[in-house]
Every structure is written in structure tokens, then in C-alpha cells.
N, C-alpha and C. Protein backbone atom coordinates (compact mmCIF):
# COMPACT_ATOMS: atom_id res chain seq x y z
N MET A 1 -17.66 -52.34 -63.89
CA MET A 1 -18.75 -52.22 -62.95
C MET A 1 -19.49 -53.55 -62.80
N SER A 2 -19.89 -53.83 -61.62
CA SER A 2 -20.62 -55.05 -61.34
C SER A 2 -22.11 -54.79 -61.37
N GLU A 3 -22.88 -55.73 -61.91
CA GLU A 3 -24.33 -55.58 -61.95
C GLU A 3 -24.96 -56.01 -60.64
N THR A 4 -24.17 -56.54 -59.70
CA THR A 4 -24.73 -57.01 -58.43
C THR A 4 -24.72 -55.93 -57.37
N GLY A 5 -24.25 -54.72 -57.69
CA GLY A 5 -24.20 -53.62 -56.73
C GLY A 5 -25.57 -53.04 -56.48
N ASP A 6 -25.58 -51.87 -55.85
CA ASP A 6 -26.82 -51.17 -55.54
C ASP A 6 -27.57 -50.86 -56.83
N SER A 7 -28.78 -51.36 -56.95
CA SER A 7 -29.54 -51.17 -58.18
C SER A 7 -30.63 -50.12 -58.03
N SER A 8 -30.64 -49.35 -56.94
CA SER A 8 -31.72 -48.40 -56.72
C SER A 8 -31.74 -47.30 -57.78
N ASN A 9 -30.61 -46.94 -58.33
CA ASN A 9 -30.56 -45.93 -59.37
C ASN A 9 -30.01 -46.48 -60.67
N ASN A 10 -30.18 -47.77 -60.91
CA ASN A 10 -29.72 -48.40 -62.15
C ASN A 10 -30.86 -48.57 -63.13
N TYR A 11 -30.57 -48.40 -64.40
CA TYR A 11 -31.51 -48.74 -65.45
C TYR A 11 -31.36 -50.23 -65.70
N GLU A 12 -32.29 -50.80 -66.41
CA GLU A 12 -32.23 -52.22 -66.71
C GLU A 12 -30.97 -52.56 -67.52
N ASN A 13 -30.49 -51.62 -68.34
CA ASN A 13 -29.33 -51.90 -69.16
C ASN A 13 -28.02 -51.63 -68.42
N GLY A 14 -28.08 -51.33 -67.14
CA GLY A 14 -26.88 -51.16 -66.34
C GLY A 14 -26.43 -49.73 -66.17
N GLY A 15 -27.09 -48.76 -66.81
CA GLY A 15 -26.71 -47.35 -66.67
C GLY A 15 -27.15 -46.80 -65.33
N ARG A 16 -26.59 -45.68 -64.96
CA ARG A 16 -26.96 -45.03 -63.70
C ARG A 16 -27.60 -43.69 -64.01
N ILE A 17 -28.48 -43.28 -63.10
CA ILE A 17 -29.10 -41.97 -63.21
C ILE A 17 -28.58 -41.13 -62.05
N SER A 18 -28.17 -39.93 -62.37
CA SER A 18 -27.57 -39.07 -61.35
C SER A 18 -28.66 -38.33 -60.56
N GLY A 19 -28.27 -37.78 -59.43
CA GLY A 19 -29.19 -36.98 -58.64
C GLY A 19 -29.71 -35.79 -59.42
N GLU A 20 -28.85 -35.21 -60.24
CA GLU A 20 -29.26 -34.07 -61.07
C GLU A 20 -30.32 -34.50 -62.09
N GLN A 21 -30.17 -35.69 -62.65
CA GLN A 21 -31.16 -36.19 -63.60
C GLN A 21 -32.48 -36.50 -62.91
N ILE A 22 -32.42 -36.99 -61.68
CA ILE A 22 -33.64 -37.25 -60.92
C ILE A 22 -34.38 -35.95 -60.67
N LYS A 23 -33.66 -34.90 -60.27
CA LYS A 23 -34.29 -33.60 -60.03
C LYS A 23 -34.92 -33.06 -61.31
N ALA A 24 -34.21 -33.22 -62.44
CA ALA A 24 -34.74 -32.75 -63.72
C ALA A 24 -36.02 -33.51 -64.08
N LEU A 25 -36.03 -34.80 -63.84
CA LEU A 25 -37.21 -35.61 -64.12
C LEU A 25 -38.38 -35.19 -63.23
N GLN A 26 -38.10 -34.90 -61.96
CA GLN A 26 -39.15 -34.44 -61.05
C GLN A 26 -39.75 -33.12 -61.54
N ILE A 27 -38.92 -32.23 -62.04
CA ILE A 27 -39.41 -30.96 -62.57
C ILE A 27 -40.28 -31.19 -63.80
N LEU A 28 -39.87 -32.09 -64.68
CA LEU A 28 -40.68 -32.40 -65.86
C LEU A 28 -42.03 -33.00 -65.47
N ILE A 29 -42.04 -33.85 -64.46
CA ILE A 29 -43.30 -34.44 -64.00
C ILE A 29 -44.20 -33.36 -63.42
N GLN A 30 -43.63 -32.46 -62.62
CA GLN A 30 -44.43 -31.36 -62.06
C GLN A 30 -44.96 -30.47 -63.17
N ALA A 31 -44.16 -30.23 -64.20
CA ALA A 31 -44.60 -29.40 -65.33
C ALA A 31 -45.76 -30.06 -66.06
N ALA A 32 -45.72 -31.37 -66.19
CA ALA A 32 -46.82 -32.09 -66.84
C ALA A 32 -48.10 -31.95 -66.03
N HIS A 33 -48.00 -32.02 -64.69
CA HIS A 33 -49.17 -31.83 -63.83
C HIS A 33 -49.74 -30.43 -63.99
N VAL A 34 -48.88 -29.42 -63.99
CA VAL A 34 -49.33 -28.03 -64.13
C VAL A 34 -49.99 -27.82 -65.49
N ALA A 35 -49.35 -28.33 -66.54
CA ALA A 35 -49.90 -28.16 -67.89
C ALA A 35 -51.27 -28.81 -67.99
N GLN A 36 -51.43 -29.99 -67.40
CA GLN A 36 -52.72 -30.67 -67.46
C GLN A 36 -53.78 -29.88 -66.71
N LYS A 37 -53.44 -29.33 -65.56
CA LYS A 37 -54.41 -28.54 -64.80
C LYS A 37 -54.88 -27.32 -65.59
N LYS A 38 -54.00 -26.80 -66.45
CA LYS A 38 -54.34 -25.63 -67.25
C LYS A 38 -54.97 -26.00 -68.59
N GLY A 39 -55.21 -27.29 -68.79
CA GLY A 39 -55.89 -27.74 -70.00
C GLY A 39 -55.01 -27.77 -71.24
N ALA A 40 -53.73 -27.98 -71.06
CA ALA A 40 -52.80 -27.95 -72.18
C ALA A 40 -52.91 -29.17 -73.09
N PHE A 41 -53.46 -30.26 -72.58
CA PHE A 41 -53.50 -31.49 -73.35
C PHE A 41 -54.93 -31.88 -73.66
N GLU A 42 -55.12 -32.45 -74.86
CA GLU A 42 -56.39 -33.08 -75.18
C GLU A 42 -56.37 -34.47 -74.56
N LEU A 43 -57.51 -35.12 -74.50
CA LEU A 43 -57.63 -36.39 -73.79
C LEU A 43 -56.61 -37.45 -74.22
N PRO A 44 -56.40 -37.71 -75.51
CA PRO A 44 -55.41 -38.73 -75.89
C PRO A 44 -53.98 -38.35 -75.47
N GLU A 45 -53.66 -37.07 -75.58
CA GLU A 45 -52.33 -36.61 -75.16
C GLU A 45 -52.17 -36.74 -73.64
N ALA A 46 -53.23 -36.39 -72.91
CA ALA A 46 -53.19 -36.48 -71.45
C ALA A 46 -52.96 -37.92 -71.01
N GLU A 47 -53.57 -38.86 -71.72
CA GLU A 47 -53.39 -40.27 -71.39
C GLU A 47 -51.93 -40.69 -71.58
N LEU A 48 -51.32 -40.26 -72.68
CA LEU A 48 -49.91 -40.60 -72.93
C LEU A 48 -48.99 -39.99 -71.89
N VAL A 49 -49.25 -38.73 -71.54
CA VAL A 49 -48.43 -38.07 -70.53
C VAL A 49 -48.60 -38.76 -69.18
N SER A 50 -49.83 -39.12 -68.85
CA SER A 50 -50.09 -39.81 -67.59
C SER A 50 -49.36 -41.15 -67.52
N GLN A 51 -49.38 -41.91 -68.60
CA GLN A 51 -48.69 -43.19 -68.63
C GLN A 51 -47.18 -43.00 -68.46
N ALA A 52 -46.64 -41.97 -69.10
CA ALA A 52 -45.21 -41.70 -68.98
C ALA A 52 -44.83 -41.31 -67.56
N VAL A 53 -45.65 -40.48 -66.93
CA VAL A 53 -45.39 -40.06 -65.55
C VAL A 53 -45.46 -41.27 -64.62
N LYS A 54 -46.48 -42.12 -64.80
CA LYS A 54 -46.65 -43.30 -63.95
C LYS A 54 -45.46 -44.26 -64.06
N ALA A 55 -44.76 -44.23 -65.18
CA ALA A 55 -43.59 -45.10 -65.35
C ALA A 55 -42.46 -44.70 -64.41
N PHE A 56 -42.47 -43.47 -63.93
CA PHE A 56 -41.39 -42.97 -63.09
C PHE A 56 -41.79 -42.69 -61.65
N VAL A 57 -43.04 -42.43 -61.39
CA VAL A 57 -43.48 -42.08 -60.05
C VAL A 57 -43.66 -43.35 -59.22
N VAL A 58 -43.10 -43.33 -58.02
CA VAL A 58 -43.22 -44.46 -57.10
C VAL A 58 -44.26 -44.10 -56.06
N LYS A 59 -45.31 -44.91 -55.98
CA LYS A 59 -46.35 -44.66 -54.98
C LYS A 59 -45.92 -45.21 -53.64
N LYS A 60 -46.30 -44.49 -52.59
CA LYS A 60 -46.06 -44.98 -51.24
C LYS A 60 -47.01 -46.13 -50.98
N GLU A 61 -46.58 -47.08 -50.16
CA GLU A 61 -47.44 -48.20 -49.81
C GLU A 61 -48.65 -47.66 -49.06
N GLY A 62 -49.83 -48.13 -49.45
CA GLY A 62 -51.05 -47.68 -48.80
C GLY A 62 -51.73 -46.54 -49.55
N ASP A 63 -51.04 -45.92 -50.53
CA ASP A 63 -51.67 -44.87 -51.32
C ASP A 63 -52.60 -45.53 -52.33
N GLY A 64 -53.81 -45.06 -52.38
CA GLY A 64 -54.76 -45.58 -53.34
C GLY A 64 -55.32 -44.45 -54.17
N GLU A 65 -55.90 -44.79 -55.30
CA GLU A 65 -56.52 -43.79 -56.13
C GLU A 65 -57.96 -43.63 -55.66
N THR A 66 -58.23 -42.51 -55.01
CA THR A 66 -59.55 -42.29 -54.44
C THR A 66 -60.30 -41.16 -55.12
N GLY A 67 -59.82 -40.74 -56.26
CA GLY A 67 -60.53 -39.74 -57.03
C GLY A 67 -60.47 -38.35 -56.45
N ALA A 68 -61.61 -37.84 -55.99
CA ALA A 68 -61.73 -36.45 -55.56
C ALA A 68 -60.82 -36.12 -54.38
N SER A 69 -60.59 -37.06 -53.49
CA SER A 69 -59.76 -36.74 -52.33
C SER A 69 -58.32 -36.45 -52.75
N ASN A 70 -57.86 -37.06 -53.83
CA ASN A 70 -56.52 -36.77 -54.34
C ASN A 70 -56.44 -35.37 -54.91
N GLU A 71 -57.53 -34.91 -55.54
CA GLU A 71 -57.51 -33.58 -56.13
C GLU A 71 -57.37 -32.50 -55.06
N SER A 72 -58.03 -32.67 -53.93
CA SER A 72 -57.97 -31.65 -52.89
C SER A 72 -56.60 -31.58 -52.25
N SER A 73 -55.87 -32.68 -52.25
CA SER A 73 -54.54 -32.68 -51.64
C SER A 73 -53.44 -32.39 -52.65
N SER A 74 -53.80 -32.21 -53.93
CA SER A 74 -52.77 -32.05 -54.96
C SER A 74 -51.95 -30.77 -54.77
N THR A 75 -52.51 -29.75 -54.14
CA THR A 75 -51.75 -28.53 -53.92
C THR A 75 -50.74 -28.70 -52.81
N ASN A 76 -50.90 -29.72 -51.98
CA ASN A 76 -49.99 -29.98 -50.87
C ASN A 76 -49.04 -31.12 -51.15
N GLU A 77 -48.97 -31.57 -52.42
CA GLU A 77 -48.12 -32.71 -52.75
C GLU A 77 -46.67 -32.41 -52.51
N THR A 78 -45.95 -33.43 -52.16
CA THR A 78 -44.51 -33.32 -52.08
C THR A 78 -43.95 -33.70 -53.44
N THR A 79 -42.67 -33.49 -53.62
CA THR A 79 -42.05 -33.82 -54.88
C THR A 79 -42.19 -35.30 -55.15
N PRO A 80 -42.63 -35.69 -56.36
CA PRO A 80 -42.79 -37.11 -56.64
C PRO A 80 -41.45 -37.84 -56.55
N LYS A 81 -41.53 -39.08 -56.07
CA LYS A 81 -40.33 -39.90 -56.05
C LYS A 81 -40.26 -40.64 -57.38
N VAL A 82 -39.07 -40.75 -57.92
CA VAL A 82 -38.92 -41.45 -59.19
C VAL A 82 -38.03 -42.66 -58.98
N ILE A 83 -38.22 -43.64 -59.86
CA ILE A 83 -37.41 -44.85 -59.77
C ILE A 83 -36.21 -44.73 -60.69
């Protein structure tokens, strides 16, 4: 395999992630959001989960963190995109 090919689904070490793995990761991210909304995590745990989710979620250009306005739209979110 060449490292100069399409790198959109490559890990830094050259591995590939399958579509099935991407879907599984999206489900895990959604589960983390649901668990947090239900108070499953204490503050330090929530911070770790948030950092882990941010490592995989790709923000759309122009999306900003605006606090309360994000909360009201959270029920209408689409599936997070992962890198």
C-alpha cells in the first residue's frame, strides 16, 4: 500500500478505518451525549469524554460554540462526522 493515496480514512500509522467502524464510532459518540444529558458523568469524567469526542468530531466551517443556542438545536443534530 502506498501512503500517498487517499488519506481521508487513514490513521497516522497508515491503517484504514472502515465505514462500519465509522458508524460504530458515531453511535458511541451519540451514546456519550445521551449519557451526559442524563447526568451519567461527574465533571472530571465529562471533561475526559468531551475531549475524546472532540478528537473525532469534525466541525463544519463557520460553526462556533455559542453556548445556549447549541443546546436548543441539540435535539435536531445530525449524525456527527468523524475523521
